[in-house]
Amino acid sequence: MTKRKSNSPRLSRGEIELLEILWANDGVTIMQVQDAFGHQVGYTTVQTRLDRLVAKKLATKTKDRPGKYEAAIPREQVSGDDLSTLVRHVTQGRVVPLIAHLLQDRELTSSEIAEVRELIREAEKRRKEK
């Protein structure tokens, strides 16, 4: 597997959890994020973590009172980086064990199977072009 340079920094599990809340909502206050967590997290903890996302340019904050936070990056950007990290660390860069697990662990629909076949065809085509 080739390494690609990422434009986004590595995110902690907590940062991803916060971004999930921001992606699911349009402009949320600290209290709304705190409520969305579903488990008790202190107000100042949420505020600090949100402000760190803003400092990393992963979220934005309005100047309104109370301030509202929104994600500044698309979910796909983070997901792609996280999946690349997963493959690098969990399967030592090998894709086959990950694919095998996913295919054996789930019932795929006909359209998902067709999509996997198409991805394999595209990979074969890229390989032949090299």
N, C-alpha and C. Protein backbone atom coordinates (compact mmCIF):
# COMPACT_ATOMS: atom_id res chain seq x y z
N MET A 1 0.85 -1.18 0.00
CA MET A 1 0.00 0.00 0.00
C MET A 1 0.88 1.24 0.00
N THR A 2 0.58 2.18 -0.84
CA THR A 2 1.37 3.39 -0.90
C THR A 2 0.84 4.39 0.11
N LYS A 3 1.77 5.12 0.70
CA LYS A 3 1.36 6.13 1.67
C LYS A 3 1.03 7.42 0.94
N ARG A 4 -0.07 8.01 1.35
CA ARG A 4 -0.47 9.30 0.80
C ARG A 4 -0.32 10.34 1.87
N LYS A 5 0.14 11.53 1.47
CA LYS A 5 0.23 12.61 2.44
C LYS A 5 -1.18 13.10 2.74
N SER A 6 -1.41 13.35 4.00
CA SER A 6 -2.73 13.79 4.43
C SER A 6 -2.71 15.28 4.71
N ASN A 7 -3.78 15.96 4.34
CA ASN A 7 -3.90 17.38 4.63
C ASN A 7 -4.49 17.63 6.00
N SER A 8 -5.02 16.61 6.64
CA SER A 8 -5.60 16.80 7.96
C SER A 8 -4.76 16.10 9.01
N PRO A 9 -4.71 16.68 10.21
CA PRO A 9 -3.92 16.06 11.27
C PRO A 9 -4.60 14.80 11.78
N ARG A 10 -3.83 13.97 12.46
CA ARG A 10 -4.39 12.78 13.10
C ARG A 10 -5.35 13.24 14.17
N LEU A 11 -6.50 12.62 14.22
CA LEU A 11 -7.51 13.00 15.19
C LEU A 11 -7.65 11.93 16.26
N SER A 12 -7.88 12.39 17.47
CA SER A 12 -8.14 11.46 18.56
C SER A 12 -9.58 10.96 18.45
N ARG A 13 -9.86 9.91 19.18
CA ARG A 13 -11.22 9.36 19.21
C ARG A 13 -12.21 10.44 19.68
N GLY A 14 -11.83 11.21 20.68
CA GLY A 14 -12.70 12.27 21.20
C GLY A 14 -12.96 13.36 20.18
N GLU A 15 -11.94 13.70 19.39
CA GLU A 15 -12.12 14.72 18.36
C GLU A 15 -13.05 14.21 17.27
N ILE A 16 -12.91 12.96 16.90
CA ILE A 16 -13.81 12.38 15.90
C ILE A 16 -15.24 12.35 16.43
N GLU A 17 -15.38 12.02 17.71
CA GLU A 17 -16.71 12.00 18.33
C GLU A 17 -17.34 13.40 18.28
N LEU A 18 -16.55 14.43 18.55
CA LEU A 18 -17.06 15.80 18.45
C LEU A 18 -17.43 16.15 17.02
N LEU A 19 -16.58 15.79 16.07
CA LEU A 19 -16.89 16.08 14.67
C LEU A 19 -18.15 15.37 14.23
N GLU A 20 -18.37 14.15 14.70
CA GLU A 20 -19.61 13.43 14.37
C GLU A 20 -20.83 14.26 14.78
N ILE A 21 -20.76 14.85 15.95
CA ILE A 21 -21.86 15.69 16.44
C ILE A 21 -22.01 16.93 15.55
N LEU A 22 -20.89 17.53 15.18
CA LEU A 22 -20.94 18.73 14.34
C LEU A 22 -21.47 18.40 12.94
N TRP A 23 -21.10 17.26 12.39
CA TRP A 23 -21.60 16.87 11.06
C TRP A 23 -23.09 16.61 11.09
N ALA A 24 -23.58 16.11 12.20
CA ALA A 24 -25.00 15.75 12.30
C ALA A 24 -25.89 16.96 12.56
N ASN A 25 -25.31 18.09 12.92
CA ASN A 25 -26.09 19.27 13.29
C ASN A 25 -25.53 20.51 12.61
N ASP A 26 -26.40 21.46 12.35
CA ASP A 26 -25.98 22.74 11.77
C ASP A 26 -25.82 23.76 12.87
N GLY A 27 -24.59 24.07 13.22
CA GLY A 27 -24.32 25.09 14.21
C GLY A 27 -24.85 24.75 15.59
N VAL A 28 -23.97 24.25 16.44
CA VAL A 28 -24.39 23.84 17.78
C VAL A 28 -23.59 24.58 18.85
N THR A 29 -24.26 24.84 19.96
CA THR A 29 -23.60 25.48 21.10
C THR A 29 -22.88 24.42 21.93
N ILE A 30 -22.09 24.88 22.86
CA ILE A 30 -21.37 23.97 23.75
C ILE A 30 -22.37 23.10 24.52
N MET A 31 -23.44 23.71 25.01
CA MET A 31 -24.44 22.94 25.76
C MET A 31 -25.11 21.88 24.89
N GLN A 32 -25.38 22.21 23.64
CA GLN A 32 -26.00 21.24 22.74
C GLN A 32 -25.05 20.07 22.47
N VAL A 33 -23.77 20.37 22.31
CA VAL A 33 -22.78 19.31 22.12
C VAL A 33 -22.70 18.45 23.38
N GLN A 34 -22.69 19.11 24.52
CA GLN A 34 -22.64 18.40 25.81
C GLN A 34 -23.83 17.44 25.93
N ASP A 35 -25.01 17.89 25.57
CA ASP A 35 -26.22 17.04 25.61
C ASP A 35 -26.12 15.89 24.61
N ALA A 36 -25.54 16.16 23.44
CA ALA A 36 -25.47 15.14 22.38
C ALA A 36 -24.52 14.00 22.73
N PHE A 37 -23.59 14.24 23.63
CA PHE A 37 -22.63 13.19 23.99
C PHE A 37 -23.32 11.95 24.56
N GLY A 38 -24.40 12.13 25.26
CA GLY A 38 -25.09 10.97 25.81
C GLY A 38 -24.45 10.44 27.08
N HIS A 39 -23.31 10.96 27.47
CA HIS A 39 -22.69 10.62 28.75
C HIS A 39 -22.14 11.92 29.32
N GLN A 40 -21.92 11.93 30.59
CA GLN A 40 -21.57 13.18 31.27
C GLN A 40 -20.15 13.63 30.91
N VAL A 41 -20.08 14.79 30.30
CA VAL A 41 -18.82 15.43 29.99
C VAL A 41 -18.95 16.88 30.44
N GLY A 42 -17.96 17.36 31.14
CA GLY A 42 -18.02 18.72 31.67
C GLY A 42 -18.08 19.80 30.59
N TYR A 43 -18.75 20.88 30.92
CA TYR A 43 -18.91 22.00 29.99
C TYR A 43 -17.56 22.53 29.52
N THR A 44 -16.65 22.76 30.47
CA THR A 44 -15.34 23.32 30.10
C THR A 44 -14.51 22.32 29.29
N THR A 45 -14.71 21.04 29.54
CA THR A 45 -14.02 20.02 28.75
C THR A 45 -14.49 20.07 27.30
N VAL A 46 -15.80 20.16 27.12
CA VAL A 46 -16.35 20.26 25.76
C VAL A 46 -15.85 21.54 25.10
N GLN A 47 -15.87 22.64 25.82
CA GLN A 47 -15.43 23.92 25.28
C GLN A 47 -13.96 23.85 24.84
N THR A 48 -13.11 23.29 25.68
CA THR A 48 -11.69 23.17 25.36
C THR A 48 -11.48 22.32 24.11
N ARG A 49 -12.19 21.20 24.05
CA ARG A 49 -12.03 20.30 22.90
C ARG A 49 -12.53 20.94 21.61
N LEU A 50 -13.66 21.66 21.69
CA LEU A 50 -14.17 22.36 20.51
C LEU A 50 -13.20 23.46 20.07
N ASP A 51 -12.67 24.20 21.03
CA ASP A 51 -11.73 25.27 20.70
C ASP A 51 -10.45 24.71 20.08
N ARG A 52 -10.05 23.51 20.48
CA ARG A 52 -8.88 22.86 19.84
C ARG A 52 -9.19 22.51 18.39
N LEU A 53 -10.42 22.04 18.13
CA LEU A 53 -10.81 21.76 16.74
C LEU A 53 -10.78 23.04 15.90
N VAL A 54 -11.21 24.16 16.50
CA VAL A 54 -11.18 25.44 15.80
C VAL A 54 -9.73 25.83 15.53
N ALA A 55 -8.85 25.67 16.52
CA ALA A 55 -7.43 26.01 16.35
C ALA A 55 -6.78 25.18 15.26
N LYS A 56 -7.23 23.93 15.11
CA LYS A 56 -6.70 23.04 14.08
C LYS A 56 -7.38 23.28 12.73
N LYS A 57 -8.31 24.23 12.68
CA LYS A 57 -9.08 24.55 11.48
C LYS A 57 -9.95 23.37 11.02
N LEU A 58 -10.40 22.58 11.97
CA LEU A 58 -11.29 21.46 11.68
C LEU A 58 -12.73 21.82 11.99
N ALA A 59 -12.92 22.93 12.69
CA ALA A 59 -14.25 23.44 13.03
C ALA A 59 -14.19 24.96 13.00
N THR A 60 -15.37 25.57 12.91
CA THR A 60 -15.46 27.02 12.97
C THR A 60 -16.39 27.40 14.11
N LYS A 61 -16.24 28.63 14.60
CA LYS A 61 -17.08 29.13 15.69
C LYS A 61 -17.59 30.51 15.29
N THR A 62 -18.90 30.71 15.46
CA THR A 62 -19.48 32.02 15.16
C THR A 62 -19.17 32.99 16.30
N LYS A 63 -19.35 34.27 16.03
CA LYS A 63 -19.13 35.28 17.06
C LYS A 63 -20.40 35.55 17.86
N ASP A 64 -21.49 34.85 17.51
CA ASP A 64 -22.76 34.99 18.23
C ASP A 64 -22.56 34.65 19.70
N ARG A 65 -23.54 35.03 20.51
CA ARG A 65 -23.58 34.64 21.92
C ARG A 65 -24.85 33.86 22.15
N PRO A 66 -24.85 32.61 22.48
CA PRO A 66 -23.64 31.80 22.62
C PRO A 66 -23.08 31.43 21.25
N GLY A 67 -21.78 31.20 21.21
CA GLY A 67 -21.11 30.81 19.97
C GLY A 67 -21.61 29.46 19.47
N LYS A 68 -21.66 29.32 18.17
CA LYS A 68 -22.08 28.05 17.57
C LYS A 68 -20.91 27.49 16.76
N TYR A 69 -20.75 26.18 16.87
CA TYR A 69 -19.65 25.48 16.21
C TYR A 69 -20.18 24.66 15.04
N GLU A 70 -19.37 24.60 13.97
CA GLU A 70 -19.68 23.77 12.80
C GLU A 70 -18.41 23.10 12.33
N ALA A 71 -18.54 21.94 11.72
CA ALA A 71 -17.38 21.25 11.15
C ALA A 71 -16.87 22.05 9.96
N ALA A 72 -15.56 22.12 9.82
CA ALA A 72 -14.95 22.85 8.71
C ALA A 72 -14.38 21.91 7.65
N ILE A 73 -14.44 20.62 7.90
CA ILE A 73 -13.96 19.64 6.93
C ILE A 73 -15.04 18.59 6.70
N PRO A 74 -15.07 18.01 5.52
CA PRO A 74 -16.08 16.97 5.25
C PRO A 74 -15.74 15.66 5.95
N ARG A 75 -16.75 14.91 6.27
CA ARG A 75 -16.60 13.60 6.91
C ARG A 75 -15.68 12.69 6.10
N GLU A 76 -15.79 12.73 4.78
CA GLU A 76 -15.01 11.84 3.92
C GLU A 76 -13.51 12.04 4.08
N GLN A 77 -13.08 13.28 4.33
CA GLN A 77 -11.66 13.55 4.49
C GLN A 77 -11.11 12.83 5.72
N VAL A 78 -11.85 12.89 6.82
CA VAL A 78 -11.41 12.23 8.04
C VAL A 78 -11.53 10.72 7.89
N SER A 79 -12.62 10.25 7.33
CA SER A 79 -12.82 8.81 7.17
C SER A 79 -11.71 8.18 6.35
N GLY A 80 -11.33 8.81 5.25
CA GLY A 80 -10.27 8.29 4.41
C GLY A 80 -8.96 8.20 5.16
N ASP A 81 -8.62 9.23 5.90
CA ASP A 81 -7.38 9.23 6.68
C ASP A 81 -7.42 8.14 7.74
N ASP A 82 -8.56 8.00 8.41
CA ASP A 82 -8.68 6.99 9.47
C ASP A 82 -8.59 5.58 8.90
N LEU A 83 -9.20 5.36 7.75
CA LEU A 83 -9.12 4.03 7.14
C LEU A 83 -7.70 3.70 6.72
N SER A 84 -6.97 4.68 6.20
CA SER A 84 -5.57 4.46 5.84
C SER A 84 -4.75 4.12 7.07
N THR A 85 -5.01 4.80 8.17
CA THR A 85 -4.31 4.51 9.42
C THR A 85 -4.63 3.11 9.90
N LEU A 86 -5.90 2.74 9.82
CA LEU A 86 -6.32 1.40 10.23
C LEU A 86 -5.57 0.33 9.43
N VAL A 87 -5.52 0.48 8.13
CA VAL A 87 -4.83 -0.50 7.29
C VAL A 87 -3.35 -0.55 7.64
N ARG A 88 -2.73 0.62 7.82
CA ARG A 88 -1.30 0.65 8.16
C ARG A 88 -1.00 -0.03 9.49
N HIS A 89 -1.81 0.25 10.50
CA HIS A 89 -1.49 -0.22 11.85
C HIS A 89 -2.06 -1.60 12.19
N VAL A 90 -3.25 -1.87 11.76
CA VAL A 90 -3.90 -3.12 12.16
C VAL A 90 -3.50 -4.27 11.24
N THR A 91 -3.38 -4.01 9.95
CA THR A 91 -3.06 -5.10 9.02
C THR A 91 -1.68 -4.91 8.39
N GLN A 92 -0.85 -4.07 9.00
CA GLN A 92 0.52 -3.81 8.53
C GLN A 92 0.57 -3.44 7.04
N GLY A 93 -0.40 -2.68 6.60
CA GLY A 93 -0.44 -2.19 5.24
C GLY A 93 -1.05 -3.15 4.23
N ARG A 94 -1.49 -4.30 4.69
CA ARG A 94 -2.09 -5.29 3.79
C ARG A 94 -3.60 -5.07 3.74
N VAL A 95 -4.13 -5.01 2.56
CA VAL A 95 -5.55 -4.74 2.36
C VAL A 95 -6.38 -6.02 2.45
N VAL A 96 -5.83 -7.14 2.00
CA VAL A 96 -6.60 -8.39 1.92
C VAL A 96 -7.20 -8.83 3.26
N PRO A 97 -6.45 -8.79 4.38
CA PRO A 97 -7.09 -9.22 5.64
C PRO A 97 -8.30 -8.35 6.02
N LEU A 98 -8.20 -7.07 5.74
CA LEU A 98 -9.32 -6.17 6.05
C LEU A 98 -10.52 -6.49 5.17
N ILE A 99 -10.30 -6.65 3.89
CA ILE A 99 -11.39 -6.97 2.97
C ILE A 99 -12.00 -8.33 3.31
N ALA A 100 -11.14 -9.31 3.59
CA ALA A 100 -11.63 -10.65 3.93
C ALA A 100 -12.52 -10.59 5.16
N HIS A 101 -12.09 -9.87 6.16
CA HIS A 101 -12.89 -9.75 7.38
C HIS A 101 -14.25 -9.12 7.08
N LEU A 102 -14.24 -8.04 6.34
CA LEU A 102 -15.50 -7.35 6.03
C LEU A 102 -16.44 -8.21 5.20
N LEU A 103 -15.88 -8.96 4.25
CA LEU A 103 -16.73 -9.80 3.41
C LEU A 103 -17.28 -11.01 4.16
N GLN A 104 -16.51 -11.53 5.10
CA GLN A 104 -16.96 -12.70 5.87
C GLN A 104 -17.86 -12.32 7.04
N ASP A 105 -17.73 -11.10 7.50
CA ASP A 105 -18.43 -10.66 8.71
C ASP A 105 -19.83 -10.10 8.44
N ARG A 106 -20.14 -9.79 7.18
CA ARG A 106 -21.39 -9.10 6.86
C ARG A 106 -22.11 -9.76 5.69
N GLU A 107 -23.42 -9.54 5.66
CA GLU A 107 -24.24 -9.90 4.49
C GLU A 107 -24.18 -8.71 3.54
N LEU A 108 -23.60 -8.90 2.37
CA LEU A 108 -23.55 -7.83 1.40
C LEU A 108 -24.75 -7.91 0.47
N THR A 109 -25.25 -6.75 0.07
CA THR A 109 -26.33 -6.71 -0.91
C THR A 109 -25.74 -6.96 -2.30
N SER A 110 -26.59 -7.23 -3.24
CA SER A 110 -26.13 -7.43 -4.63
C SER A 110 -25.42 -6.19 -5.15
N SER A 111 -25.94 -5.02 -4.81
CA SER A 111 -25.31 -3.79 -5.29
C SER A 111 -23.95 -3.57 -4.64
N GLU A 112 -23.79 -3.97 -3.38
CA GLU A 112 -22.49 -3.84 -2.73
C GLU A 112 -21.47 -4.79 -3.36
N ILE A 113 -21.91 -6.01 -3.68
CA ILE A 113 -21.03 -6.98 -4.34
C ILE A 113 -20.60 -6.43 -5.71
N ALA A 114 -21.54 -5.87 -6.44
CA ALA A 114 -21.22 -5.28 -7.75
C ALA A 114 -20.23 -4.13 -7.59
N GLU A 115 -20.41 -3.34 -6.56
CA GLU A 115 -19.50 -2.22 -6.31
C GLU A 115 -18.09 -2.71 -5.98
N VAL A 116 -17.99 -3.77 -5.18
CA VAL A 116 -16.68 -4.36 -4.85
C VAL A 116 -16.01 -4.88 -6.11
N ARG A 117 -16.78 -5.56 -6.95
CA ARG A 117 -16.22 -6.07 -8.23
C ARG A 117 -15.69 -4.92 -9.08
N GLU A 118 -16.44 -3.83 -9.14
CA GLU A 118 -16.02 -2.68 -9.94
C GLU A 118 -14.73 -2.07 -9.36
N LEU A 119 -14.63 -2.00 -8.07
CA LEU A 119 -13.41 -1.48 -7.43
C LEU A 119 -12.21 -2.37 -7.77
N ILE A 120 -12.41 -3.67 -7.79
CA ILE A 120 -11.33 -4.61 -8.15
C ILE A 120 -10.94 -4.41 -9.61
N ARG A 121 -11.93 -4.25 -10.49
CA ARG A 121 -11.63 -4.00 -11.92
C ARG A 121 -10.80 -2.72 -12.08
N GLU A 122 -11.19 -1.67 -11.35
CA GLU A 122 -10.46 -0.41 -11.43
C GLU A 122 -9.02 -0.57 -10.91
N ALA A 123 -8.85 -1.34 -9.83
CA ALA A 123 -7.51 -1.58 -9.28
C ALA A 123 -6.66 -2.35 -10.29
N GLU A 124 -7.25 -3.34 -10.95
CA GLU A 124 -6.52 -4.11 -11.96
C GLU A 124 -6.12 -3.21 -13.13
N LYS A 125 -7.00 -2.33 -13.53
CA LYS A 125 -6.71 -1.41 -14.64
C LYS A 125 -5.57 -0.47 -14.27
N ARG A 126 -5.60 0.08 -13.06
CA ARG A 126 -4.51 0.96 -12.61
C ARG A 126 -3.18 0.22 -12.58
N ARG A 127 -3.22 -1.02 -12.14
CA ARG A 127 -1.99 -1.83 -12.06
C ARG A 127 -1.40 -2.08 -13.46
N LYS A 128 -2.26 -2.35 -14.43
CA LYS A 128 -1.79 -2.59 -15.80
C LYS A 128 -1.22 -1.34 -16.43
N GLU A 129 -1.73 -0.17 -16.02
CA GLU A 129 -1.26 1.10 -16.58
C GLU A 129 0.13 1.48 -16.06
N LYS A 130 0.57 0.88 -14.98
CA LYS A 130 1.88 1.24 -14.41
C LYS A 130 3.01 0.66 -15.19
